[in-house]
Amino acid sequence: MSVEKCDLSSQLDEKSRDTVQTVYRKLSEAGHACYVVGGAVRDMLLGRKAVDIDITTDAEPQTVRGIFRRTAATGMKHGTITVLLDDTSIEVTTFRSESTYSDARRPDSVIFSKTLSEDLSRRDFTINALAWDPGKNLLIDEHDGRSDLNKKIIRTIGNPRERFFEDGLRTIRACRFCATLEFSIEDRTYQALCDAKVHERVRKTAVERFSDEIWKGLKSSAPSRMIRPLEESGLRALFFGRAATKGDDEERSIYLKRIEAMPDACPELKMACWWMGLGICSGDSAQITATQLKISSRQTQDIIYFIEYIQFQKKCGEGSFRNLNDSAKKVAVRKFLSAVKSRYRSDTARFLSRAAVWPVRAGNPAALGEILSKDALIIADLEITGEELIEMGFQGKQIGDVLRKLLDQIHEFPDHNEKKALLQLARSWI
């Protein structure tokens, strides 16, 4: 066990610092211990912003509710009370130890304990088992977490196989931390990631929890550091292996390098790139995978159209496209933008700006944006309406067919999008 003087208050913003000190003072005055624990301590030691600050104490939930004037019983059975202070809130959790994990997700029962040591020993990784006393400015490190932070490694507390058997999601979290912290997984911990019996436990993990970890990793600047151990350990295949059957090692390597080359891209574009490397290269297969992973409809739409955008740019690099004359190339670009705009409408510019980090073969982002703002790309952009076609005598299905034919003409000759010319062309088809 290591205890050292360590003032981390400077790593907190003023509001968080005041909140922590208020909770510490109240609990201390009532004769109870108070520590900041977990990821917040880890991040402060790394010089990163502490987003979620968790406090642990020997005071039981009902006692905590009696100490503070305003609280919410957000996780009562797990020992967590949310303390409400003016315009902010913070979670306070009672020291606890846990029993077996029958479902590989939650402990069968939670037992409140009286010591910080018991509470820290139940946690997943050494770097998340650090505690900071904000009153005495002491850092408590019972599992060499500080050393592992310095070495930039992810290591479980105790036997990694046992930790992963308790909660299968910990395997995915280990891979995610590789990306968000840019750390590596310690050898013994990595061996447990690859264990077939551990995988059987991981299969019990709710797919929503898996997807949530994946999104967190994709938001980082180094998501390939998460993807590699997921792939190499076989963990990724536990969740969406069936849809990814056509990719090969060379293809995956190419797309991982693409992801590494666009650290600031949005997570949906990174996901699309990853899936392309797995052989998920069509809207249908992407929809199947997104459904398996229970990804939201908005995110699914973005992923599908990023895949189509990548496919389009890939096609534009092929000889058959390069051999087209400039006019034919522009028609192909307008037809692609038409498909995008028909789904995104006023949000199309946002889609293109987010796709701009992808290396382009047909039109740079500025050129695509100019076409988007100037040319008629969808039926709603035409200088003629369905009502005007009805007045000319068109009926039923004919109206939609004529509008689509007119749009095809305008894709080829964008300067002809004038009411008089469109009416004349439509009359010729009567």
Protein backbone atom coordinates (compact mmCIF):
# COMPACT_ATOMS: atom_id res chain seq x y z
CA MET A 1 0.00 0.00 0.00
CA SER A 2 1.26 3.45 -0.90
CA VAL A 3 0.11 6.72 0.65
CA GLU A 4 1.64 9.97 -0.56
CA LYS A 5 1.01 13.67 -0.32
CA CYS A 6 -0.73 14.76 -3.49
CA ASP A 7 -2.78 17.90 -4.10
CA LEU A 8 -5.03 17.27 -7.09
CA SER A 9 -7.39 20.18 -6.45
CA SER A 10 -5.71 22.28 -9.14
CA GLN A 11 -6.91 19.70 -11.72
CA LEU A 12 -10.55 20.47 -10.89
CA ASP A 13 -12.49 23.45 -12.17
CA GLU A 14 -13.73 25.85 -9.51
CA LYS A 15 -17.27 24.47 -9.43
CA SER A 16 -16.13 20.84 -9.06
CA ARG A 17 -13.56 21.81 -6.44
CA ASP A 18 -16.18 23.60 -4.34
CA THR A 19 -18.57 20.63 -4.69
CA VAL A 20 -15.96 18.10 -3.57
CA GLN A 21 -14.88 20.25 -0.62
CA THR A 22 -18.48 20.79 0.49
CA VAL A 23 -19.24 17.04 0.46
CA TYR A 24 -15.94 16.29 2.22
CA ARG A 25 -16.64 18.85 4.94
CA LYS A 26 -20.18 17.61 5.58
CA LEU A 27 -19.18 13.94 5.77
CA SER A 28 -16.11 14.69 7.91
CA GLU A 29 -18.11 16.80 10.37
CA ALA A 30 -20.47 13.83 10.75
CA GLY A 31 -17.50 11.57 11.53
CA HIS A 32 -17.26 9.76 8.19
CA ALA A 33 -14.49 9.14 5.67
CA CYS A 34 -14.63 10.71 2.23
CA TYR A 35 -12.53 9.95 -0.86
CA VAL A 36 -12.64 10.76 -4.56
CA VAL A 37 -12.13 7.47 -6.40
CA GLY A 38 -11.90 5.80 -9.77
CA GLY A 39 -11.54 7.38 -13.19
CA ALA A 40 -11.56 10.95 -11.89
CA VAL A 41 -8.38 10.33 -9.85
CA ARG A 42 -6.78 8.53 -12.78
CA ASP A 43 -7.54 11.40 -15.15
CA MET A 44 -6.36 14.08 -12.73
CA LEU A 45 -3.04 12.28 -12.29
CA LEU A 46 -2.72 12.17 -16.08
CA GLY A 47 -3.40 15.89 -16.30
CA ARG A 48 -6.74 15.30 -18.02
CA LYS A 49 -10.07 16.89 -17.20
CA ALA A 50 -12.02 14.87 -14.64
CA VAL A 51 -15.51 14.52 -16.13
CA ASP A 52 -17.37 12.17 -13.76
CA ILE A 53 -16.35 12.65 -10.14
CA ASP A 54 -17.33 9.84 -7.78
CA ILE A 55 -17.05 9.94 -4.01
CA THR A 56 -16.93 6.93 -1.70
CA THR A 57 -17.55 6.89 2.05
CA ASP A 58 -18.08 4.56 5.00
CA ALA A 59 -21.46 6.22 5.65
CA GLU A 60 -24.37 4.02 4.57
CA PRO A 61 -26.98 5.38 2.13
CA GLN A 62 -29.59 6.34 4.72
CA THR A 63 -26.91 8.12 6.74
CA VAL A 64 -25.80 10.07 3.66
CA ARG A 65 -29.40 11.11 3.05
CA GLY A 66 -29.59 12.38 6.62
CA ILE A 67 -26.39 14.44 6.33
CA PHE A 68 -27.39 16.35 3.19
CA ARG A 69 -30.53 18.43 2.82
CA ARG A 70 -31.29 17.47 -0.79
CA THR A 71 -30.58 14.00 -2.23
CA ALA A 72 -31.90 11.53 -4.79
CA ALA A 73 -31.88 7.76 -4.31
CA THR A 74 -30.50 7.05 -7.79
CA GLY A 75 -28.79 3.76 -6.91
CA MET A 76 -29.96 2.94 -3.41
CA LYS A 77 -29.60 -0.84 -3.61
CA HIS A 78 -26.03 -0.46 -4.85
CA GLY A 79 -25.21 2.08 -2.15
CA THR A 80 -25.27 5.19 -4.35
CA ILE A 81 -26.97 8.45 -3.40
CA THR A 82 -26.91 11.55 -5.59
CA VAL A 83 -26.25 14.64 -3.47
CA LEU A 84 -27.85 17.83 -4.83
CA LEU A 85 -26.01 21.07 -4.11
CA ASP A 86 -27.46 24.28 -5.55
CA ASP A 87 -27.04 23.88 -9.33
CA THR A 88 -24.85 20.78 -9.29
CA SER A 89 -24.94 17.15 -8.17
CA ILE A 90 -22.45 14.42 -7.28
CA GLU A 91 -22.74 10.70 -6.58
CA VAL A 92 -21.73 9.41 -3.16
CA THR A 93 -21.37 5.62 -2.80
CA THR A 94 -20.89 3.58 0.36
CA PHE A 95 -17.77 1.37 0.65
CA ARG A 96 -18.81 -2.04 -0.57
CA SER A 97 -17.66 -5.54 -1.35
CA GLU A 98 -19.44 -7.84 -3.74
CA SER A 99 -20.48 -11.48 -4.03
CA THR A 100 -20.51 -13.71 -7.12
CA TYR A 101 -21.63 -12.50 -10.56
CA SER A 102 -24.06 -15.11 -11.89
CA ASP A 103 -24.99 -13.06 -14.96
CA ALA A 104 -21.42 -11.87 -15.75
CA ARG A 105 -22.67 -8.31 -15.33
CA ARG A 106 -23.97 -7.46 -11.84
CA PRO A 107 -23.02 -8.80 -8.41
CA ASP A 108 -25.67 -11.11 -6.97
CA SER A 109 -25.62 -8.99 -3.83
CA VAL A 110 -23.89 -5.86 -2.53
CA ILE A 111 -22.41 -5.88 0.97
CA PHE A 112 -21.52 -2.57 2.56
CA SER A 113 -18.07 -2.58 4.13
CA LYS A 114 -16.25 -0.31 6.54
CA THR A 115 -12.85 -0.04 4.90
CA LEU A 116 -11.57 1.69 1.81
CA SER A 117 -9.34 -1.33 1.10
CA GLU A 118 -12.31 -3.63 0.54
CA ASP A 119 -13.90 -1.11 -1.77
CA LEU A 120 -10.77 -0.62 -3.88
CA SER A 121 -10.06 -4.34 -4.20
CA ARG A 122 -13.41 -4.99 -5.96
CA ARG A 123 -12.63 -2.60 -8.82
CA ASP A 124 -11.59 -3.63 -12.32
CA PHE A 125 -8.18 -2.16 -13.15
CA THR A 126 -5.33 -0.87 -11.01
CA ILE A 127 -5.48 2.55 -12.66
CA ASN A 128 -9.14 2.82 -11.55
CA ALA A 129 -8.43 1.77 -7.95
CA LEU A 130 -6.79 5.00 -6.80
CA ALA A 131 -8.33 7.13 -4.05
CA TRP A 132 -7.70 10.75 -3.14
CA ASP A 133 -8.44 12.32 0.25
CA PRO A 134 -9.35 15.92 -0.73
CA GLY A 135 -9.08 17.18 2.87
CA LYS A 136 -5.64 15.83 3.73
CA ASN A 137 -4.44 15.81 0.11
CA LEU A 138 -3.39 12.17 0.28
CA LEU A 139 -3.27 9.69 -2.60
CA ILE A 140 -4.01 6.11 -1.55
CA ASP A 141 -2.66 3.47 -3.94
CA GLU A 142 -3.05 -0.13 -2.79
CA HIS A 143 -2.60 -1.86 -6.16
CA ASP A 144 0.33 -0.03 -7.82
CA GLY A 145 -2.04 1.94 -10.00
CA ARG A 146 0.29 4.96 -10.02
CA SER A 147 3.10 2.78 -11.35
CA ASP A 148 0.85 1.39 -14.08
CA LEU A 149 -0.16 4.92 -15.04
CA ASN A 150 3.50 5.81 -15.47
CA LYS A 151 4.08 2.65 -17.52
CA LYS A 152 0.91 3.32 -19.54
CA ILE A 153 -0.43 -0.19 -19.05
CA ILE A 154 -3.87 -1.61 -18.28
CA ARG A 155 -3.78 -4.38 -15.68
CA THR A 156 -6.57 -5.98 -13.68
CA ILE A 157 -6.59 -6.10 -9.91
CA GLY A 158 -5.69 -9.66 -8.94
CA ASN A 159 -6.44 -12.55 -11.29
CA PRO A 160 -7.57 -11.13 -14.66
CA ARG A 161 -9.63 -14.21 -15.50
CA GLU A 162 -11.61 -13.78 -12.27
CA ARG A 163 -12.13 -10.06 -12.89
CA PHE A 164 -13.45 -10.74 -16.39
CA PHE A 165 -15.68 -13.57 -15.16
CA GLU A 166 -17.30 -11.09 -12.76
CA ASP A 167 -18.22 -8.65 -15.50
CA GLY A 168 -17.68 -9.53 -19.15
CA LEU A 169 -17.78 -5.87 -20.16
CA ARG A 170 -14.41 -5.35 -18.47
CA THR A 171 -12.74 -7.01 -21.44
CA ILE A 172 -14.25 -4.40 -23.78
CA ARG A 173 -13.37 -1.60 -21.36
CA ALA A 174 -9.74 -2.75 -21.36
CA CYS A 175 -9.66 -2.39 -25.16
CA ARG A 176 -11.47 0.95 -25.00
CA PHE A 177 -8.92 2.34 -22.52
CA CYS A 178 -6.21 1.47 -25.06
CA ALA A 179 -7.79 4.12 -27.29
CA THR A 180 -8.97 6.78 -24.85
CA LEU A 181 -5.81 6.69 -22.71
CA GLU A 182 -3.43 5.47 -25.45
CA PHE A 183 -2.23 2.69 -23.12
CA SER A 184 -1.32 -0.97 -23.76
CA ILE A 185 -2.75 -4.09 -22.10
CA GLU A 186 -0.43 -5.94 -19.72
CA ASP A 187 0.51 -9.45 -20.97
CA ARG A 188 -1.33 -11.54 -18.36
CA THR A 189 -4.43 -9.38 -18.72
CA TYR A 190 -4.28 -9.70 -22.51
CA GLN A 191 -3.99 -13.49 -22.30
CA ALA A 192 -7.23 -13.53 -20.29
CA LEU A 193 -8.90 -11.41 -23.02
CA CYS A 194 -8.23 -14.25 -25.46
CA ASP A 195 -9.44 -17.04 -23.15
CA ALA A 196 -12.30 -19.06 -24.69
CA LYS A 197 -14.03 -19.50 -21.33
CA VAL A 198 -13.83 -15.76 -20.70
CA HIS A 199 -15.46 -15.27 -24.11
CA GLU A 200 -18.37 -17.41 -23.00
CA ARG A 201 -18.92 -14.99 -20.13
CA VAL A 202 -18.52 -11.97 -22.42
CA ARG A 203 -21.35 -13.32 -24.61
CA LYS A 204 -23.71 -12.57 -21.72
CA THR A 205 -22.88 -8.87 -21.92
CA ALA A 206 -25.79 -6.73 -23.12
CA VAL A 207 -25.03 -5.54 -26.65
CA GLU A 208 -25.99 -1.96 -25.68
CA ARG A 209 -23.15 -1.90 -23.13
CA PHE A 210 -20.73 -3.19 -25.78
CA SER A 211 -21.83 -0.53 -28.28
CA ASP A 212 -21.55 2.23 -25.69
CA GLU A 213 -17.90 1.31 -25.04
CA ILE A 214 -17.21 1.18 -28.77
CA TRP A 215 -18.60 4.69 -29.31
CA LYS A 216 -16.44 6.03 -26.49
CA GLY A 217 -13.38 4.51 -28.11
CA LEU A 218 -14.26 5.82 -31.57
CA LYS A 219 -14.54 9.36 -30.20
CA SER A 220 -10.87 9.23 -29.23
CA SER A 221 -8.05 10.26 -31.55
CA ALA A 222 -6.60 6.73 -31.57
CA PRO A 223 -9.50 4.25 -32.04
CA SER A 224 -7.32 1.75 -33.90
CA ARG A 225 -5.64 1.05 -30.54
CA MET A 226 -9.03 -0.28 -29.38
CA ILE A 227 -9.91 -2.05 -32.63
CA ARG A 228 -6.70 -4.09 -32.84
CA PRO A 229 -7.07 -5.93 -29.49
CA LEU A 230 -10.82 -6.38 -30.13
CA GLU A 231 -10.01 -8.06 -33.43
CA GLU A 232 -6.93 -10.03 -32.38
CA SER A 233 -8.51 -11.38 -29.18
CA GLY A 234 -11.70 -12.48 -30.96
CA LEU A 235 -13.92 -10.21 -28.84
CA ARG A 236 -15.34 -8.25 -31.76
CA ALA A 237 -16.59 -11.42 -33.45
CA LEU A 238 -18.70 -12.24 -30.37
CA PHE A 239 -21.00 -9.32 -31.18
CA PHE A 240 -21.14 -8.91 -34.95
CA GLY A 241 -19.05 -11.63 -36.52
CA ARG A 242 -21.74 -12.97 -38.87
CA ALA A 243 -22.05 -9.76 -40.88
CA ALA A 244 -18.28 -9.38 -41.25
CA THR A 245 -17.27 -12.35 -43.39
CA LYS A 246 -15.74 -10.86 -46.53
CA GLY A 247 -12.89 -8.76 -45.15
CA ASP A 248 -9.31 -10.00 -45.24
CA ASP A 249 -6.22 -9.07 -43.24
CA GLU A 250 -4.80 -6.82 -45.94
CA GLU A 251 -8.08 -4.95 -46.35
CA ARG A 252 -8.44 -4.51 -42.60
CA SER A 253 -4.90 -3.17 -42.35
CA ILE A 254 -5.60 -0.61 -45.08
CA TYR A 255 -8.73 0.68 -43.37
CA LEU A 256 -7.09 0.77 -39.93
CA LYS A 257 -4.39 3.00 -41.41
CA ARG A 258 -7.16 5.18 -42.85
CA ILE A 259 -8.67 5.53 -39.39
CA GLU A 260 -5.28 6.42 -37.93
CA ALA A 261 -4.90 9.12 -40.59
CA MET A 262 -8.10 10.94 -39.52
CA PRO A 263 -7.94 11.26 -35.71
CA ASP A 264 -10.44 14.13 -35.63
CA ALA A 265 -13.12 12.46 -37.76
CA CYS A 266 -16.56 11.87 -36.30
CA PRO A 267 -17.14 8.40 -34.76
CA GLU A 268 -19.71 7.46 -37.45
CA LEU A 269 -17.11 7.92 -40.21
CA LYS A 270 -14.55 5.90 -38.23
CA MET A 271 -17.15 3.18 -37.70
CA ALA A 272 -17.93 3.12 -41.45
CA CYS A 273 -14.23 2.83 -42.23
CA TRP A 274 -13.80 -0.02 -39.73
CA TRP A 275 -16.80 -1.87 -41.13
CA MET A 276 -15.48 -1.48 -44.69
CA GLY A 277 -12.34 -3.30 -43.57
CA LEU A 278 -14.53 -6.10 -42.23
CA GLY A 279 -16.31 -6.53 -45.54
CA ILE A 280 -19.44 -4.65 -44.48
CA CYS A 281 -19.55 -2.63 -47.69
CA SER A 282 -23.23 -2.19 -48.52
CA GLY A 283 -26.18 -0.42 -46.97
CA ASP A 284 -27.96 -3.74 -46.38
CA SER A 285 -25.07 -5.39 -44.50
CA ALA A 286 -24.48 -2.17 -42.54
CA GLN A 287 -28.16 -2.10 -41.55
CA ILE A 288 -27.96 -5.71 -40.34
CA THR A 289 -24.87 -4.97 -38.27
CA ALA A 290 -26.32 -1.76 -36.83
CA THR A 291 -29.47 -3.66 -35.83
CA GLN A 292 -27.38 -6.36 -34.15
CA LEU A 293 -25.51 -3.68 -32.19
CA LYS A 294 -28.72 -1.72 -31.44
CA ILE A 295 -27.27 1.47 -32.86
CA SER A 296 -29.67 4.43 -33.15
CA SER A 297 -31.40 5.09 -36.48
CA ARG A 298 -29.64 8.46 -36.89
CA GLN A 299 -26.19 6.97 -36.33
CA THR A 300 -27.07 4.05 -38.62
CA GLN A 301 -28.08 6.44 -41.39
CA ASP A 302 -24.78 8.31 -41.06
CA ILE A 303 -22.74 5.10 -41.10
CA ILE A 304 -24.53 3.79 -44.21
CA TYR A 305 -24.00 7.01 -46.13
CA PHE A 306 -20.39 7.30 -45.06
CA ILE A 307 -19.92 3.76 -46.43
CA GLU A 308 -21.57 4.86 -49.68
CA TYR A 309 -19.40 8.00 -49.74
CA ILE A 310 -16.24 5.91 -49.29
CA GLN A 311 -17.42 3.51 -52.00
CA PHE A 312 -18.14 6.44 -54.32
CA GLN A 313 -14.70 7.99 -53.78
CA LYS A 314 -13.15 4.55 -54.25
CA LYS A 315 -15.02 4.14 -57.54
CA CYS A 316 -13.82 7.56 -58.63
CA GLY A 317 -10.23 6.33 -58.34
CA GLU A 318 -10.82 3.44 -60.74
CA GLY A 319 -9.87 3.54 -64.40
CA SER A 320 -13.44 3.30 -65.68
CA PHE A 321 -14.29 6.57 -63.93
CA ARG A 322 -11.03 8.31 -64.81
CA ASN A 323 -11.64 7.53 -68.47
CA LEU A 324 -14.93 9.45 -68.47
CA ASN A 325 -14.95 12.97 -69.87
CA ASP A 326 -15.36 15.90 -67.47
CA SER A 327 -19.07 16.26 -68.21
CA ALA A 328 -19.80 12.60 -67.43
CA LYS A 329 -17.79 12.82 -64.23
CA LYS A 330 -19.83 15.82 -63.08
CA VAL A 331 -23.08 13.95 -63.81
CA ALA A 332 -21.87 11.06 -61.61
CA VAL A 333 -21.02 13.49 -58.81
CA ARG A 334 -24.43 15.17 -59.05
CA LYS A 335 -26.23 11.81 -58.92
CA PHE A 336 -24.29 10.83 -55.81
CA LEU A 337 -25.01 14.17 -54.13
CA SER A 338 -28.66 13.74 -55.15
CA ALA A 339 -28.83 10.45 -53.22
CA VAL A 340 -27.24 12.09 -50.18
CA LYS A 341 -29.41 15.20 -50.26
CA SER A 342 -32.62 13.17 -50.65
CA ARG A 343 -31.93 11.76 -47.18
CA TYR A 344 -30.20 14.64 -45.44
CA ARG A 345 -31.97 17.64 -47.02
CA SER A 346 -30.91 20.74 -45.09
CA ASP A 347 -28.31 18.68 -43.21
CA THR A 348 -26.41 17.66 -46.37
CA ALA A 349 -23.73 20.32 -45.90
CA ARG A 350 -23.06 18.95 -42.41
CA PHE A 351 -22.69 15.46 -43.83
CA LEU A 352 -20.18 16.62 -46.44
CA SER A 353 -18.18 18.64 -43.92
CA ARG A 354 -17.90 15.56 -41.67
CA ALA A 355 -16.85 13.43 -44.66
CA ALA A 356 -14.25 15.98 -45.78
CA VAL A 357 -11.40 14.27 -43.90
CA TRP A 358 -11.67 11.31 -46.28
CA PRO A 359 -9.21 11.56 -49.22
CA VAL A 360 -11.28 12.60 -52.24
CA ARG A 361 -11.06 11.39 -55.81
CA ALA A 362 -13.95 13.38 -57.24
CA GLY A 363 -14.25 16.97 -56.18
CA ASN A 364 -12.77 18.43 -53.03
CA PRO A 365 -15.15 19.47 -50.23
CA ALA A 366 -15.32 23.05 -51.52
CA ALA A 367 -16.24 21.88 -55.04
CA LEU A 368 -18.88 19.49 -53.71
CA GLY A 369 -20.27 22.27 -51.55
CA GLU A 370 -20.50 24.57 -54.57
CA ILE A 371 -22.46 21.94 -56.53
CA LEU A 372 -24.68 21.42 -53.49
CA SER A 373 -25.51 25.12 -53.22
CA LYS A 374 -25.87 25.85 -56.93
CA ASP A 375 -27.24 22.82 -58.81
CA ALA A 376 -30.63 21.12 -58.68
CA LEU A 377 -29.98 17.75 -57.05
CA ILE A 378 -33.39 16.54 -55.90
CA ILE A 379 -36.94 16.91 -57.22
CA ALA A 380 -37.69 19.68 -54.73
CA ASP A 381 -34.94 21.76 -56.39
CA LEU A 382 -36.63 21.71 -59.81
CA GLU A 383 -38.25 24.92 -61.08
CA ILE A 384 -41.45 23.00 -61.76
CA THR A 385 -44.00 21.37 -59.47
CA GLY A 386 -46.28 18.38 -59.53
CA GLU A 387 -49.29 20.72 -59.57
CA GLU A 388 -48.09 22.27 -62.82
CA LEU A 389 -47.76 18.81 -64.37
CA ILE A 390 -51.35 18.01 -63.30
CA GLU A 391 -52.53 21.18 -65.05
CA MET A 392 -50.77 19.91 -68.19
CA GLY A 393 -52.73 16.65 -68.02
CA PHE A 394 -50.37 14.24 -66.29
CA GLN A 395 -51.98 11.92 -63.75
CA GLY A 396 -51.08 9.55 -60.92
CA LYS A 397 -47.81 7.65 -61.34
CA GLN A 398 -46.98 9.70 -64.45
CA ILE A 399 -46.28 12.77 -62.32
CA GLY A 400 -43.48 11.15 -60.32
CA ASP A 401 -42.04 9.50 -63.43
CA VAL A 402 -41.90 12.81 -65.29
CA LEU A 403 -40.31 14.64 -62.36
CA ARG A 404 -37.61 11.95 -62.11
CA LYS A 405 -36.95 12.15 -65.86
CA LEU A 406 -36.68 15.93 -65.62
CA LEU A 407 -34.23 15.59 -62.73
CA ASP A 408 -32.08 13.20 -64.78
CA GLN A 409 -31.96 15.85 -67.52
CA ILE A 410 -30.95 18.54 -65.04
CA HIS A 411 -28.21 16.33 -63.59
CA GLU A 412 -26.74 16.30 -67.10
CA PHE A 413 -27.55 19.92 -68.01
CA PRO A 414 -27.82 21.90 -64.72
CA ASP A 415 -28.19 25.24 -66.50
CA HIS A 416 -31.51 24.09 -67.97
CA ASN A 417 -33.32 24.24 -64.62
CA GLU A 418 -35.72 26.98 -65.75
CA LYS A 419 -39.52 26.76 -65.61
CA LYS A 420 -40.06 27.55 -69.30
CA ALA A 421 -37.55 24.92 -70.48
CA LEU A 422 -38.89 22.27 -68.08
CA LEU A 423 -42.52 22.90 -69.10
CA GLN A 424 -41.56 22.66 -72.77
CA LEU A 425 -39.71 19.39 -72.18
CA ALA A 426 -42.61 17.94 -70.20
CA ARG A 427 -45.09 18.87 -73.00
CA SER A 428 -42.95 17.01 -75.49
CA TRP A 429 -43.49 13.82 -73.44
CA ILE A 430 -47.31 14.13 -73.45
